[in-house]
PDB file of all heavy atoms in Angstrom:
ATOM      1  N   LEU A   1       0.859   6.189  -6.804  1.00  0.00           N
ATOM      2  CA  LEU A   1       1.692   7.293  -6.354  1.00  0.00           C
ATOM      3  C   LEU A   1       3.016   7.261  -7.093  1.00  0.00           C
ATOM      4  O   LEU A   1       3.478   6.195  -7.515  1.00  0.00           O
ATOM      5  CB  LEU A   1       1.939   7.193  -4.845  1.00  0.00           C
ATOM      6  CG  LEU A   1       0.695   7.244  -3.955  1.00  0.00           C
ATOM      7  CD1 LEU A   1       1.064   6.882  -2.524  1.00  0.00           C
ATOM      8  CD2 LEU A   1       0.059   8.621  -4.035  1.00  0.00           C
ATOM      9  N   GLU A   2       3.615   8.408  -7.239  1.00  0.00           N
ATOM     10  CA  GLU A   2       4.911   8.468  -7.912  1.00  0.00           C
ATOM     11  C   GLU A   2       5.977   7.759  -7.100  1.00  0.00           C
ATOM     12  O   GLU A   2       6.813   7.052  -7.625  1.00  0.00           O
ATOM     13  CB  GLU A   2       5.292   9.931  -8.157  1.00  0.00           C
ATOM     14  CG  GLU A   2       6.481  10.069  -9.073  1.00  0.00           C
ATOM     15  CD  GLU A   2       6.713  11.504  -9.483  1.00  0.00           C
ATOM     16  OE1 GLU A   2       5.743  12.194  -9.794  1.00  0.00           O
ATOM     17  OE2 GLU A   2       7.894  11.917  -9.449  1.00  0.00           O
ATOM     18  N   ARG A   3       5.940   7.974  -5.781  1.00  0.00           N
ATOM     19  CA  ARG A   3       6.916   7.305  -4.901  1.00  0.00           C
ATOM     20  C   ARG A   3       6.373   7.262  -3.486  1.00  0.00           C
ATOM     21  O   ARG A   3       5.488   8.018  -3.122  1.00  0.00           O
ATOM     22  CB  ARG A   3       8.262   7.998  -4.945  1.00  0.00           C
ATOM     23  CG  ARG A   3       8.219   9.456  -4.542  1.00  0.00           C
ATOM     24  CD  ARG A   3       9.527  10.136  -4.706  1.00  0.00           C
ATOM     25  NE  ARG A   3      10.438   9.651  -3.667  1.00  0.00           N
ATOM     26  CZ  ARG A   3      11.689  10.040  -3.552  1.00  0.00           C
ATOM     27  NH1 ARG A   3      12.188  10.901  -4.386  1.00  0.00           N
ATOM     28  NH2 ARG A   3      12.442   9.589  -2.588  1.00  0.00           N
ATOM     29  N   VAL A   4       6.921   6.343  -2.719  1.00  0.00           N
ATOM     30  CA  VAL A   4       6.575   6.258  -1.296  1.00  0.00           C
ATOM     31  C   VAL A   4       7.879   6.189  -0.501  1.00  0.00           C
ATOM     32  O   VAL A   4       8.913   5.753  -1.015  1.00  0.00           O
ATOM     33  CB  VAL A   4       5.679   5.025  -0.990  1.00  0.00           C
ATOM     34  CG1 VAL A   4       4.345   5.159  -1.662  1.00  0.00           C
ATOM     35  CG2 VAL A   4       6.359   3.741  -1.372  1.00  0.00           C
ATOM     36  N   GLY A   5       7.808   6.614   0.737  1.00  0.00           N
ATOM     37  CA  GLY A   5       8.985   6.608   1.608  1.00  0.00           C
ATOM     38  C   GLY A   5       8.908   5.519   2.657  1.00  0.00           C
ATOM     39  O   GLY A   5       7.845   4.969   2.933  1.00  0.00           O
ATOM     40  N   ARG A   6      10.024   5.288   3.260  1.00  0.00           N
ATOM     41  CA  ARG A   6      10.140   4.202   4.239  1.00  0.00           C
ATOM     42  C   ARG A   6       9.226   4.376   5.453  1.00  0.00           C
ATOM     43  O   ARG A   6       8.849   3.406   6.084  1.00  0.00           O
ATOM     44  CB  ARG A   6      11.596   4.015   4.665  1.00  0.00           C
ATOM     45  CG  ARG A   6      12.220   5.245   5.312  1.00  0.00           C
ATOM     46  CD  ARG A   6      13.696   5.037   5.709  1.00  0.00           C
ATOM     47  NE  ARG A   6      13.782   4.314   6.965  1.00  0.00           N
ATOM     48  CZ  ARG A   6      14.214   3.061   7.086  1.00  0.00           C
ATOM     49  NH1 ARG A   6      14.626   2.393   6.046  1.00  0.00           N
ATOM     50  NH2 ARG A   6      14.273   2.465   8.259  1.00  0.00           N
ATOM     51  N   HIS A   7       8.873   5.600   5.770  1.00  0.00           N
ATOM     52  CA  HIS A   7       8.032   5.844   6.942  1.00  0.00           C
ATOM     53  C   HIS A   7       6.558   5.977   6.577  1.00  0.00           C
ATOM     54  O   HIS A   7       5.732   6.205   7.463  1.00  0.00           O
ATOM     55  CB  HIS A   7       8.506   7.096   7.688  1.00  0.00           C
ATOM     56  CG  HIS A   7       9.908   6.954   8.185  1.00  0.00           C
ATOM     57  ND1 HIS A   7      10.280   6.069   9.163  1.00  0.00           N
ATOM     58  CD2 HIS A   7      11.054   7.581   7.798  1.00  0.00           C
ATOM     59  CE1 HIS A   7      11.575   6.165   9.372  1.00  0.00           C
ATOM     60  NE2 HIS A   7      12.072   7.071   8.545  1.00  0.00           N
ATOM     61  N   ASP A   8       6.230   5.834   5.300  1.00  0.00           N
ATOM     62  CA  ASP A   8       4.843   5.964   4.871  1.00  0.00           C
ATOM     63  C   ASP A   8       3.995   4.817   5.399  1.00  0.00           C
ATOM     64  O   ASP A   8       4.460   3.706   5.623  1.00  0.00           O
ATOM     65  CB  ASP A   8       4.747   6.041   3.349  1.00  0.00           C
ATOM     66  CG  ASP A   8       5.159   7.405   2.808  1.00  0.00           C
ATOM     67  OD1 ASP A   8       5.072   8.394   3.579  1.00  0.00           O
ATOM     68  OD2 ASP A   8       5.563   7.471   1.646  1.00  0.00           O
ATOM     69  N   HIS A   9       2.731   5.129   5.598  1.00  0.00           N
ATOM     70  CA  HIS A   9       1.739   4.219   6.170  1.00  0.00           C
ATOM     71  C   HIS A   9       0.777   3.816   5.059  1.00  0.00           C
ATOM     72  O   HIS A   9       0.157   4.668   4.427  1.00  0.00           O
ATOM     73  CB  HIS A   9       0.999   4.992   7.282  1.00  0.00           C
ATOM     74  CG  HIS A   9       0.086   4.180   8.122  1.00  0.00           C
ATOM     75  ND1 HIS A   9      -1.122   3.708   7.668  1.00  0.00           N
ATOM     76  CD2 HIS A   9       0.201   3.799   9.416  1.00  0.00           C
ATOM     77  CE1 HIS A   9      -1.715   3.070   8.651  1.00  0.00           C
ATOM     78  NE2 HIS A   9      -0.943   3.101   9.724  1.00  0.00           N
ATOM     79  N   PHE A  10       0.690   2.532   4.799  1.00  0.00           N
ATOM     80  CA  PHE A  10      -0.106   2.017   3.681  1.00  0.00           C
ATOM     81  C   PHE A  10      -1.526   2.575   3.673  1.00  0.00           C
ATOM     82  O   PHE A  10      -2.022   3.031   2.647  1.00  0.00           O
ATOM     83  CB  PHE A  10      -0.136   0.484   3.729  1.00  0.00           C
ATOM     84  CG  PHE A  10      -0.805  -0.164   2.559  1.00  0.00           C
ATOM     85  CD1 PHE A  10      -0.144  -0.283   1.345  1.00  0.00           C
ATOM     86  CD2 PHE A  10      -2.086  -0.666   2.667  1.00  0.00           C
ATOM     87  CE1 PHE A  10      -0.761  -0.901   0.263  1.00  0.00           C
ATOM     88  CE2 PHE A  10      -2.722  -1.269   1.581  1.00  0.00           C
ATOM     89  CZ  PHE A  10      -2.044  -1.380   0.385  1.00  0.00           C
ATOM     90  N   PHE A  11      -2.179   2.558   4.806  1.00  0.00           N
ATOM     91  CA  PHE A  11      -3.586   2.961   4.880  1.00  0.00           C
ATOM     92  C   PHE A  11      -3.753   4.475   4.868  1.00  0.00           C
ATOM     93  O   PHE A  11      -4.740   4.977   4.335  1.00  0.00           O
ATOM     94  CB  PHE A  11      -4.262   2.312   6.085  1.00  0.00           C
ATOM     95  CG  PHE A  11      -4.183   0.803   5.995  1.00  0.00           C
ATOM     96  CD1 PHE A  11      -3.288   0.103   6.767  1.00  0.00           C
ATOM     97  CD2 PHE A  11      -4.967   0.092   5.087  1.00  0.00           C
ATOM     98  CE1 PHE A  11      -3.174  -1.285   6.676  1.00  0.00           C
ATOM     99  CE2 PHE A  11      -4.872  -1.279   4.977  1.00  0.00           C
ATOM    100  CZ  PHE A  11      -3.971  -1.977   5.770  1.00  0.00           C
ATOM    101  N   GLU A  12      -2.791   5.188   5.387  1.00  0.00           N
ATOM    102  CA  GLU A  12      -2.851   6.653   5.336  1.00  0.00           C
ATOM    103  C   GLU A  12      -2.644   7.166   3.920  1.00  0.00           C
ATOM    104  O   GLU A  12      -3.065   8.269   3.587  1.00  0.00           O
ATOM    105  CB  GLU A  12      -1.830   7.266   6.293  1.00  0.00           C
ATOM    106  CG  GLU A  12      -2.163   7.074   7.743  1.00  0.00           C
ATOM    107  CD  GLU A  12      -1.095   7.560   8.691  1.00  0.00           C
ATOM    108  OE1 GLU A  12      -0.036   8.060   8.230  1.00  0.00           O
ATOM    109  OE2 GLU A  12      -1.287   7.437   9.913  1.00  0.00           O
ATOM    110  N   LEU A  13      -2.000   6.373   3.085  1.00  0.00           N
ATOM    111  CA  LEU A  13      -1.774   6.756   1.688  1.00  0.00           C
ATOM    112  C   LEU A  13      -2.956   6.372   0.796  1.00  0.00           C
ATOM    113  O   LEU A  13      -2.906   6.601  -0.402  1.00  0.00           O
ATOM    114  CB  LEU A  13      -0.512   6.089   1.153  1.00  0.00           C
ATOM    115  CG  LEU A  13       0.806   6.554   1.754  1.00  0.00           C
ATOM    116  CD1 LEU A  13       1.962   5.721   1.199  1.00  0.00           C
ATOM    117  CD2 LEU A  13       1.033   8.030   1.491  1.00  0.00           C
ATOM    118  N   GLY A  14      -3.977   5.799   1.377  1.00  0.00           N
ATOM    119  CA  GLY A  14      -5.160   5.431   0.598  1.00  0.00           C
ATOM    120  C   GLY A  14      -5.351   3.935   0.432  1.00  0.00           C
ATOM    121  O   GLY A  14      -6.301   3.491  -0.233  1.00  0.00           O
ATOM    122  N   GLY A  15      -4.491   3.143   1.038  1.00  0.00           N
ATOM    123  CA  GLY A  15      -4.631   1.700   0.970  1.00  0.00           C
ATOM    124  C   GLY A  15      -5.849   1.212   1.739  1.00  0.00           C
ATOM    125  O   GLY A  15      -6.317   1.886   2.648  1.00  0.00           O
ATOM    126  N   HIS A  16      -6.338   0.073   1.349  1.00  0.00           N
ATOM    127  CA  HIS A  16      -7.474  -0.568   2.026  1.00  0.00           C
ATOM    128  C   HIS A  16      -7.308  -2.070   1.878  1.00  0.00           C
ATOM    129  O   HIS A  16      -6.335  -2.545   1.255  1.00  0.00           O
ATOM    130  CB  HIS A  16      -8.806  -0.065   1.472  1.00  0.00           C
ATOM    131  CG  HIS A  16      -8.905  -0.071  -0.017  1.00  0.00           C
ATOM    132  ND1 HIS A  16      -9.049  -1.216  -0.756  1.00  0.00           N
ATOM    133  CD2 HIS A  16      -8.816   0.946  -0.905  1.00  0.00           C
ATOM    134  CE1 HIS A  16      -9.095  -0.927  -2.045  1.00  0.00           C
ATOM    135  NE2 HIS A  16      -8.941   0.395  -2.167  1.00  0.00           N
ATOM    136  N   SER A  17      -8.231  -2.830   2.434  1.00  0.00           N
ATOM    137  CA  SER A  17      -8.058  -4.282   2.487  1.00  0.00           C
ATOM    138  C   SER A  17      -7.952  -4.916   1.097  1.00  0.00           C
ATOM    139  O   SER A  17      -7.161  -5.848   0.912  1.00  0.00           O
ATOM    140  CB  SER A  17      -9.184  -4.942   3.286  1.00  0.00           C
ATOM    141  OG  SER A  17     -10.433  -4.635   2.721  1.00  0.00           O
ATOM    142  N   LEU A  18      -8.702  -4.434   0.113  1.00  0.00           N
ATOM    143  CA  LEU A  18      -8.616  -5.015  -1.226  1.00  0.00           C
ATOM    144  C   LEU A  18      -7.239  -4.761  -1.825  1.00  0.00           C
ATOM    145  O   LEU A  18      -6.628  -5.655  -2.410  1.00  0.00           O
ATOM    146  CB  LEU A  18      -9.705  -4.436  -2.139  1.00  0.00           C
ATOM    147  CG  LEU A  18      -9.713  -4.948  -3.575  1.00  0.00           C
ATOM    148  CD1 LEU A  18      -9.852  -6.463  -3.614  1.00  0.00           C
ATOM    149  CD2 LEU A  18     -10.828  -4.292  -4.368  1.00  0.00           C
ATOM    150  N   LEU A  19      -6.718  -3.551  -1.673  1.00  0.00           N
ATOM    151  CA  LEU A  19      -5.370  -3.255  -2.175  1.00  0.00           C
ATOM    152  C   LEU A  19      -4.308  -4.052  -1.417  1.00  0.00           C
ATOM    153  O   LEU A  19      -3.315  -4.497  -1.992  1.00  0.00           O
ATOM    154  CB  LEU A  19      -5.072  -1.755  -2.079  1.00  0.00           C
ATOM    155  CG  LEU A  19      -5.766  -0.870  -3.115  1.00  0.00           C
ATOM    156  CD1 LEU A  19      -5.461   0.605  -2.841  1.00  0.00           C
ATOM    157  CD2 LEU A  19      -5.373  -1.235  -4.528  1.00  0.00           C
ATOM    158  N   ALA A  20      -4.521  -4.236  -0.135  1.00  0.00           N
ATOM    159  CA  ALA A  20      -3.578  -5.046   0.665  1.00  0.00           C
ATOM    160  C   ALA A  20      -3.557  -6.477   0.162  1.00  0.00           C
ATOM    161  O   ALA A  20      -2.501  -7.092   0.049  1.00  0.00           O
ATOM    162  CB  ALA A  20      -3.943  -4.973   2.138  1.00  0.00           C
ATOM    163  N   THR A  21      -4.727  -7.003  -0.191  1.00  0.00           N
ATOM    164  CA  THR A  21      -4.805  -8.362  -0.741  1.00  0.00           C
ATOM    165  C   THR A  21      -4.095  -8.430  -2.090  1.00  0.00           C
ATOM    166  O   THR A  21      -3.369  -9.402  -2.362  1.00  0.00           O
ATOM    167  CB  THR A  21      -6.291  -8.770  -0.895  1.00  0.00           C
ATOM    168  OG1 THR A  21      -6.907  -8.700   0.397  1.00  0.00           O
ATOM    169  CG2 THR A  21      -6.420 -10.177  -1.433  1.00  0.00           C
ATOM    170  N   GLN A  22      -4.243  -7.417  -2.914  1.00  0.00           N
ATOM    171  CA  GLN A  22      -3.527  -7.375  -4.195  1.00  0.00           C
ATOM    172  C   GLN A  22      -2.016  -7.290  -3.969  1.00  0.00           C
ATOM    173  O   GLN A  22      -1.230  -7.925  -4.684  1.00  0.00           O
ATOM    174  CB  GLN A  22      -4.006  -6.185  -5.030  1.00  0.00           C
ATOM    175  CG  GLN A  22      -5.428  -6.342  -5.512  1.00  0.00           C
ATOM    176  CD  GLN A  22      -5.931  -5.103  -6.243  1.00  0.00           C
ATOM    177  OE1 GLN A  22      -5.185  -4.169  -6.523  1.00  0.00           O
ATOM    178  NE2 GLN A  22      -7.225  -5.099  -6.541  1.00  0.00           N
ATOM    179  N   LEU A  23      -1.622  -6.525  -2.965  1.00  0.00           N
ATOM    180  CA  LEU A  23      -0.201  -6.418  -2.605  1.00  0.00           C
ATOM    181  C   LEU A  23       0.366  -7.782  -2.264  1.00  0.00           C
ATOM    182  O   LEU A  23       1.420  -8.183  -2.758  1.00  0.00           O
ATOM    183  CB  LEU A  23      -0.019  -5.444  -1.440  1.00  0.00           C
ATOM    184  CG  LEU A  23       1.384  -5.362  -0.834  1.00  0.00           C
ATOM    185  CD1 LEU A  23       2.360  -4.722  -1.824  1.00  0.00           C
ATOM    186  CD2 LEU A  23       1.350  -4.579   0.466  1.00  0.00           C
ATOM    187  N   LEU A  24      -0.355  -8.518  -1.434  1.00  0.00           N
ATOM    188  CA  LEU A  24       0.112  -9.839  -1.011  1.00  0.00           C
ATOM    189  C   LEU A  24       0.229 -10.792  -2.194  1.00  0.00           C
ATOM    190  O   LEU A  24       1.183 -11.564  -2.282  1.00  0.00           O
ATOM    191  CB  LEU A  24      -0.831 -10.408   0.044  1.00  0.00           C
ATOM    192  CG  LEU A  24      -0.897  -9.628   1.350  1.00  0.00           C
ATOM    193  CD1 LEU A  24      -1.950 -10.233   2.277  1.00  0.00           C
ATOM    194  CD2 LEU A  24       0.446  -9.584   2.026  1.00  0.00           C
ATOM    195  N   ALA A  25      -0.741 -10.728  -3.097  1.00  0.00           N
ATOM    196  CA  ALA A  25      -0.704 -11.607  -4.276  1.00  0.00           C
ATOM    197  C   ALA A  25       0.524 -11.290  -5.142  1.00  0.00           C
ATOM    198  O   ALA A  25       1.196 -12.194  -5.627  1.00  0.00           O
ATOM    199  CB  ALA A  25      -1.988 -11.434  -5.090  1.00  0.00           C
ATOM    200  N   ARG A  26       0.812 -10.025  -5.317  1.00  0.00           N
ATOM    201  CA  ARG A  26       1.987  -9.638  -6.116  1.00  0.00           C
ATOM    202  C   ARG A  26       3.280 -10.032  -5.422  1.00  0.00           C
ATOM    203  O   ARG A  26       4.233 -10.475  -6.074  1.00  0.00           O
ATOM    204  CB  ARG A  26       1.974  -8.146  -6.403  1.00  0.00           C
ATOM    205  CG  ARG A  26       0.858  -7.772  -7.360  1.00  0.00           C
ATOM    206  CD  ARG A  26       0.825  -6.299  -7.655  1.00  0.00           C
ATOM    207  NE  ARG A  26      -0.408  -5.973  -8.370  1.00  0.00           N
ATOM    208  CZ  ARG A  26      -0.597  -4.833  -8.992  1.00  0.00           C
ATOM    209  NH1 ARG A  26       0.334  -3.911  -9.011  1.00  0.00           N
ATOM    210  NH2 ARG A  26      -1.740  -4.607  -9.617  1.00  0.00           N
ATOM    211  N   MET A  27       3.327  -9.888  -4.106  1.00  0.00           N
ATOM    212  CA  MET A  27       4.509 -10.275  -3.351  1.00  0.00           C
ATOM    213  C   MET A  27       4.754 -11.777  -3.484  1.00  0.00           C
ATOM    214  O   MET A  27       5.883 -12.222  -3.678  1.00  0.00           O
ATOM    215  CB  MET A  27       4.373  -9.878  -1.889  1.00  0.00           C
ATOM    216  CG  MET A  27       4.438  -8.375  -1.671  1.00  0.00           C
ATOM    217  SD  MET A  27       4.031  -7.884   0.016  1.00  0.00           S
ATOM    218  CE  MET A  27       5.402  -8.594   0.912  1.00  0.00           C
TER     219      MET A  27
END
């Protein structure tokens, strides 16, 4: 996505468990 806002919901934006795992690894 070009940008996300503070009230955005990870899963409503298309996130799923694999992307969440990738997010955690990057963090």
